[in-house]
Amino acid sequence: MRNKQAKSVALGGMLAALALVIMCLGGLIPVATYVCPVLCIILLSFVLQLCGRRLAWAWYAAVMLLCLFMAPDKEAAVIFAFLGYYPMAKIKLDKWPVSWLWKLFLFNVMIFLAYSVLIYLLGIDQVVSEYRQLGFWLTAITLFLGNLCLFLLDRVLSNLQYKFRSKYKKS
């Protein structure tokens, strides 16, 4: 029992270091602002499946705090802070009726809160000027594409959960 727990903690630590590296590399490419949090969410899904829910929550908290302090792209770090727990929430939301609607609601509320924190609390004027330049319609299209990416991420996480369940039921 103790050996398995030590392996889980070590694996979680290694994946947390990998997530932090991914988030720190996010400042190099502009589109990485949205890609890096998604990659970290997929890593969290691995931690959840291999190490359990309790360690996954600790992993999320540690990576979130480290990213907020160390990642050069604060927009990506805040997006991960507000949406990074999605694999754990997905398990609960999948049991609800019309779960896709609840997932969509959760995503849009969290994105609104994330950008509110970026603009009003952190005062990052670059975000405001970027969306002002895009205009209303391109901003709406960006939000629509974000919702589409959420559904694609949801499918990826569902497939990962299925593969883990089928692999470990055979063993």
C-alpha atoms as a PDB file:
ATOM      1  CA  MET A   1       0.000   0.000   0.000  1.00  0.00           C
ATOM      2  CA  ARG A   2       2.705   2.442   1.013  1.00  0.00           C
ATOM      3  CA  ASN A   3       4.800   1.645  -2.071  1.00  0.00           C
ATOM      4  CA  LYS A   4       1.853   2.380  -4.377  1.00  0.00           C
ATOM      5  CA  GLN A   5       1.252   5.715  -2.646  1.00  0.00           C
ATOM      6  CA  ALA A   6       4.921   6.668  -3.031  1.00  0.00           C
ATOM      7  CA  LYS A   7       4.798   5.784  -6.732  1.00  0.00           C
ATOM      8  CA  SER A   8       1.665   7.903  -7.172  1.00  0.00           C
ATOM      9  CA  VAL A   9       3.251  10.904  -5.453  1.00  0.00           C
ATOM     10  CA  ALA A  10       6.437  10.550  -7.517  1.00  0.00           C
ATOM     11  CA  LEU A  11       4.459  10.250 -10.755  1.00  0.00           C
ATOM     12  CA  GLY A  12       2.356  13.260  -9.763  1.00  0.00           C
ATOM     13  CA  GLY A  13       5.499  15.271  -9.054  1.00  0.00           C
ATOM     14  CA  MET A  14       7.023  14.403 -12.411  1.00  0.00           C
ATOM     15  CA  LEU A  15       3.828  15.282 -14.274  1.00  0.00           C
ATOM     16  CA  ALA A  16       3.561  18.535 -12.310  1.00  0.00           C
ATOM     17  CA  ALA A  17       7.075  19.464 -13.388  1.00  0.00           C
ATOM     18  CA  LEU A  18       6.160  18.656 -16.985  1.00  0.00           C
ATOM     19  CA  ALA A  19       3.013  20.811 -16.712  1.00  0.00           C
ATOM     20  CA  LEU A  20       5.049  23.723 -15.370  1.00  0.00           C
ATOM     21  CA  VAL A  21       7.536  23.382 -18.248  1.00  0.00           C
ATOM     22  CA  ILE A  22       4.637  23.361 -20.735  1.00  0.00           C
ATOM     23  CA  MET A  23       3.148  26.480 -19.186  1.00  0.00           C
ATOM     24  CA  CYS A  24       6.522  28.258 -19.133  1.00  0.00           C
ATOM     25  CA  LEU A  25       7.066  27.471 -22.803  1.00  0.00           C
ATOM     26  CA  GLY A  26       3.659  28.996 -23.531  1.00  0.00           C
ATOM     27  CA  GLY A  27       5.080  32.485 -23.824  1.00  0.00           C
ATOM     28  CA  LEU A  28       6.980  31.601 -27.004  1.00  0.00           C
ATOM     29  CA  ILE A  29       4.048  31.107 -29.397  1.00  0.00           C
ATOM     30  CA  PRO A  30       0.933  33.333 -29.355  1.00  0.00           C
ATOM     31  CA  VAL A  31      -1.584  30.473 -29.829  1.00  0.00           C
ATOM     32  CA  ALA A  32       0.054  28.635 -26.912  1.00  0.00           C
ATOM     33  CA  THR A  33      -1.993  30.850 -24.596  1.00  0.00           C
ATOM     34  CA  TYR A  34      -4.878  28.467 -25.211  1.00  0.00           C
ATOM     35  CA  VAL A  35      -2.977  25.282 -26.067  1.00  0.00           C
ATOM     36  CA  CYS A  36      -0.804  25.066 -22.942  1.00  0.00           C
ATOM     37  CA  PRO A  37      -3.703  25.039 -20.442  1.00  0.00           C
ATOM     38  CA  VAL A  38      -5.399  22.303 -22.503  1.00  0.00           C
ATOM     39  CA  LEU A  39      -2.227  20.183 -22.462  1.00  0.00           C
ATOM     40  CA  CYS A  40      -1.997  20.636 -18.696  1.00  0.00           C
ATOM     41  CA  ILE A  41      -5.656  19.628 -18.329  1.00  0.00           C
ATOM     42  CA  ILE A  42      -4.873  16.425 -20.252  1.00  0.00           C
ATOM     43  CA  LEU A  43      -1.921  15.794 -17.923  1.00  0.00           C
ATOM     44  CA  LEU A  44      -4.280  16.275 -14.977  1.00  0.00           C
ATOM     45  CA  SER A  45      -6.529  13.630 -16.484  1.00  0.00           C
ATOM     46  CA  PHE A  46      -3.597  11.193 -16.408  1.00  0.00           C
ATOM     47  CA  VAL A  47      -2.910  12.089 -12.775  1.00  0.00           C
ATOM     48  CA  LEU A  48      -6.588  11.586 -11.942  1.00  0.00           C
ATOM     49  CA  GLN A  49      -6.714   8.167 -13.598  1.00  0.00           C
ATOM     50  CA  LEU A  50      -3.363   6.894 -12.296  1.00  0.00           C
ATOM     51  CA  CYS A  51      -3.127   8.479  -8.843  1.00  0.00           C
ATOM     52  CA  GLY A  52      -6.683   9.152  -7.697  1.00  0.00           C
ATOM     53  CA  ARG A  53      -8.889  12.146  -7.020  1.00  0.00           C
ATOM     54  CA  ARG A  54      -7.196  13.351  -3.826  1.00  0.00           C
ATOM     55  CA  LEU A  55      -3.763  13.529  -5.397  1.00  0.00           C
ATOM     56  CA  ALA A  56      -5.272  15.069  -8.548  1.00  0.00           C
ATOM     57  CA  TRP A  57      -6.703  17.966  -6.521  1.00  0.00           C
ATOM     58  CA  ALA A  58      -3.334  18.488  -4.807  1.00  0.00           C
ATOM     59  CA  TRP A  59      -1.615  18.315  -8.213  1.00  0.00           C
ATOM     60  CA  TYR A  60      -3.997  20.896  -9.654  1.00  0.00           C
ATOM     61  CA  ALA A  61      -3.485  23.283  -6.720  1.00  0.00           C
ATOM     62  CA  ALA A  62       0.319  22.975  -6.863  1.00  0.00           C
ATOM     63  CA  VAL A  63       0.538  23.430 -10.636  1.00  0.00           C
ATOM     64  CA  MET A  64      -1.938  26.311 -10.569  1.00  0.00           C
ATOM     65  CA  LEU A  65       0.018  28.224  -7.913  1.00  0.00           C
ATOM     66  CA  LEU A  66       3.374  27.551  -9.573  1.00  0.00           C
ATOM     67  CA  CYS A  67       2.014  28.655 -12.941  1.00  0.00           C
ATOM     68  CA  LEU A  68       0.542  31.847 -11.510  1.00  0.00           C
ATOM     69  CA  PHE A  69       3.913  32.737  -9.993  1.00  0.00           C
ATOM     70  CA  MET A  70       6.330  31.450 -12.640  1.00  0.00           C
ATOM     71  CA  ALA A  71       4.669  31.270 -16.065  1.00  0.00           C
ATOM     72  CA  PRO A  72       5.513  34.217 -18.314  1.00  0.00           C
ATOM     73  CA  ASP A  73       2.085  34.151 -19.995  1.00  0.00           C
ATOM     74  CA  LYS A  74      -0.264  35.236 -17.209  1.00  0.00           C
ATOM     75  CA  GLU A  75      -3.301  34.868 -19.463  1.00  0.00           C
ATOM     76  CA  ALA A  76      -2.573  31.153 -19.928  1.00  0.00           C
ATOM     77  CA  ALA A  77      -1.904  30.739 -16.203  1.00  0.00           C
ATOM     78  CA  VAL A  78      -5.219  32.360 -15.267  1.00  0.00           C
ATOM     79  CA  ILE A  79      -7.087  30.249 -17.835  1.00  0.00           C
ATOM     80  CA  PHE A  80      -5.556  27.143 -16.274  1.00  0.00           C
ATOM     81  CA  ALA A  81      -6.415  28.403 -12.790  1.00  0.00           C
ATOM     82  CA  PHE A  82     -10.083  28.781 -13.728  1.00  0.00           C
ATOM     83  CA  LEU A  83     -10.471  25.710 -15.977  1.00  0.00           C
ATOM     84  CA  GLY A  84      -7.727  23.319 -14.901  1.00  0.00           C
ATOM     85  CA  TYR A  85      -9.941  21.294 -12.586  1.00  0.00           C
ATOM     86  CA  TYR A  86     -12.219  20.313 -15.494  1.00  0.00           C
ATOM     87  CA  PRO A  87     -11.310  16.566 -15.514  1.00  0.00           C
ATOM     88  CA  MET A  88     -12.551  16.248 -11.914  1.00  0.00           C
ATOM     89  CA  ALA A  89     -15.670  18.313 -12.619  1.00  0.00           C
ATOM     90  CA  LYS A  90     -16.345  16.295 -15.769  1.00  0.00           C
ATOM     91  CA  ILE A  91     -16.814  13.109 -13.759  1.00  0.00           C
ATOM     92  CA  LYS A  92     -19.602  14.778 -11.758  1.00  0.00           C
ATOM     93  CA  LEU A  93     -21.128  16.626 -14.707  1.00  0.00           C
ATOM     94  CA  ASP A  94     -21.350  13.455 -16.822  1.00  0.00           C
ATOM     95  CA  LYS A  95     -23.893  12.096 -14.329  1.00  0.00           C
ATOM     96  CA  TRP A  96     -26.232  15.096 -14.666  1.00  0.00           C
ATOM     97  CA  PRO A  97     -29.042  15.250 -17.210  1.00  0.00           C
ATOM     98  CA  VAL A  98     -28.180  17.380 -20.254  1.00  0.00           C
ATOM     99  CA  SER A  99     -24.552  17.348 -19.132  1.00  0.00           C
ATOM    100  CA  TRP A 100     -23.306  19.091 -22.279  1.00  0.00           C
ATOM    101  CA  LEU A 101     -25.377  22.154 -21.359  1.00  0.00           C
ATOM    102  CA  TRP A 102     -23.925  22.267 -17.837  1.00  0.00           C
ATOM    103  CA  LYS A 103     -20.403  21.886 -19.215  1.00  0.00           C
ATOM    104  CA  LEU A 104     -21.029  24.733 -21.630  1.00  0.00           C
ATOM    105  CA  PHE A 105     -22.402  26.884 -18.806  1.00  0.00           C
ATOM    106  CA  LEU A 106     -19.420  26.096 -16.553  1.00  0.00           C
ATOM    107  CA  PHE A 107     -16.936  26.896 -19.315  1.00  0.00           C
ATOM    108  CA  ASN A 108     -18.510  30.234 -20.242  1.00  0.00           C
ATOM    109  CA  VAL A 109     -18.861  31.372 -16.622  1.00  0.00           C
ATOM    110  CA  MET A 110     -15.257  30.436 -15.865  1.00  0.00           C
ATOM    111  CA  ILE A 111     -13.934  32.170 -19.001  1.00  0.00           C
ATOM    112  CA  PHE A 112     -15.908  35.290 -18.083  1.00  0.00           C
ATOM    113  CA  LEU A 113     -14.496  35.193 -14.540  1.00  0.00           C
ATOM    114  CA  ALA A 114     -10.951  34.516 -15.789  1.00  0.00           C
ATOM    115  CA  TYR A 115     -10.965  37.492 -18.125  1.00  0.00           C
ATOM    116  CA  SER A 116     -12.609  39.655 -15.475  1.00  0.00           C
ATOM    117  CA  VAL A 117      -9.730  38.819 -13.139  1.00  0.00           C
ATOM    118  CA  LEU A 118      -7.199  39.519 -15.896  1.00  0.00           C
ATOM    119  CA  ILE A 119      -8.710  42.877 -16.766  1.00  0.00           C
ATOM    120  CA  TYR A 120     -10.004  44.261 -13.479  1.00  0.00           C
ATOM    121  CA  LEU A 121      -7.939  42.593 -10.788  1.00  0.00           C
ATOM    122  CA  LEU A 122      -4.570  42.158 -12.488  1.00  0.00           C
ATOM    123  CA  GLY A 123      -5.030  45.166 -14.757  1.00  0.00           C
ATOM    124  CA  ILE A 124      -3.503  43.599 -17.846  1.00  0.00           C
ATOM    125  CA  ASP A 125      -4.259  46.264 -20.445  1.00  0.00           C
ATOM    126  CA  GLN A 126      -2.828  44.156 -23.267  1.00  0.00           C
ATOM    127  CA  VAL A 127      -5.885  41.859 -23.072  1.00  0.00           C
ATOM    128  CA  VAL A 128      -8.271  44.795 -23.312  1.00  0.00           C
ATOM    129  CA  SER A 129      -6.481  46.342 -26.297  1.00  0.00           C
ATOM    130  CA  GLU A 130      -6.256  42.937 -28.027  1.00  0.00           C
ATOM    131  CA  TYR A 131      -9.998  42.338 -27.818  1.00  0.00           C
ATOM    132  CA  ARG A 132     -10.760  45.955 -28.688  1.00  0.00           C
ATOM    133  CA  GLN A 133      -8.766  45.521 -31.888  1.00  0.00           C
ATOM    134  CA  LEU A 134     -10.555  42.281 -32.713  1.00  0.00           C
ATOM    135  CA  GLY A 135     -13.962  43.871 -32.443  1.00  0.00           C
ATOM    136  CA  PHE A 136     -17.236  42.340 -31.294  1.00  0.00           C
ATOM    137  CA  TRP A 137     -17.677  39.714 -34.010  1.00  0.00           C
ATOM    138  CA  LEU A 138     -14.164  38.300 -33.875  1.00  0.00           C
ATOM    139  CA  THR A 139     -14.387  38.178 -30.090  1.00  0.00           C
ATOM    140  CA  ALA A 140     -17.704  36.280 -30.394  1.00  0.00           C
ATOM    141  CA  ILE A 141     -16.107  33.894 -32.900  1.00  0.00           C
ATOM    142  CA  THR A 142     -13.193  33.363 -30.505  1.00  0.00           C
ATOM    143  CA  LEU A 143     -15.633  32.486 -27.718  1.00  0.00           C
ATOM    144  CA  PHE A 144     -17.498  30.123 -30.055  1.00  0.00           C
ATOM    145  CA  LEU A 145     -14.229  28.406 -31.011  1.00  0.00           C
ATOM    146  CA  GLY A 146     -13.380  28.128 -27.309  1.00  0.00           C
ATOM    147  CA  ASN A 147     -16.705  26.350 -26.734  1.00  0.00           C
ATOM    148  CA  LEU A 148     -15.953  24.050 -29.653  1.00  0.00           C
ATOM    149  CA  CYS A 149     -12.538  23.279 -28.181  1.00  0.00           C
ATOM    150  CA  LEU A 150     -14.223  22.457 -24.874  1.00  0.00           C
ATOM    151  CA  PHE A 151     -16.320  19.787 -26.582  1.00  0.00           C
ATOM    152  CA  LEU A 152     -13.243  18.388 -28.338  1.00  0.00           C
ATOM    153  CA  LEU A 153     -11.364  18.338 -25.026  1.00  0.00           C
ATOM    154  CA  ASP A 154     -14.354  16.628 -23.426  1.00  0.00           C
ATOM    155  CA  ARG A 155     -14.219  13.893 -26.081  1.00  0.00           C
ATOM    156  CA  VAL A 156     -10.479  13.423 -25.577  1.00  0.00           C
ATOM    157  CA  LEU A 157     -10.946  13.127 -21.804  1.00  0.00           C
ATOM    158  CA  SER A 158     -13.826  10.667 -22.277  1.00  0.00           C
ATOM    159  CA  ASN A 159     -11.666   8.525 -24.569  1.00  0.00           C
ATOM    160  CA  LEU A 160      -8.796   8.600 -22.064  1.00  0.00           C
ATOM    161  CA  GLN A 161     -11.142   7.552 -19.241  1.00  0.00           C
ATOM    162  CA  TYR A 162     -12.496   4.717 -21.376  1.00  0.00           C
ATOM    163  CA  LYS A 163      -9.008   3.487 -22.292  1.00  0.00           C
ATOM    164  CA  PHE A 164      -7.867   3.563 -18.653  1.00  0.00           C
ATOM    165  CA  ARG A 165     -10.981   1.696 -17.490  1.00  0.00           C
ATOM    166  CA  SER A 166     -10.690  -0.967 -20.175  1.00  0.00           C
ATOM    167  CA  LYS A 167      -6.934  -1.404 -19.650  1.00  0.00           C
ATOM    168  CA  TYR A 168      -7.120  -1.801 -15.876  1.00  0.00           C
ATOM    169  CA  LYS A 169     -10.234  -4.031 -15.932  1.00  0.00           C
ATOM    170  CA  LYS A 170      -8.317  -6.585 -18.028  1.00  0.00           C
ATOM    171  CA  SER A 171      -5.412  -6.663 -15.576  1.00  0.00           C
END
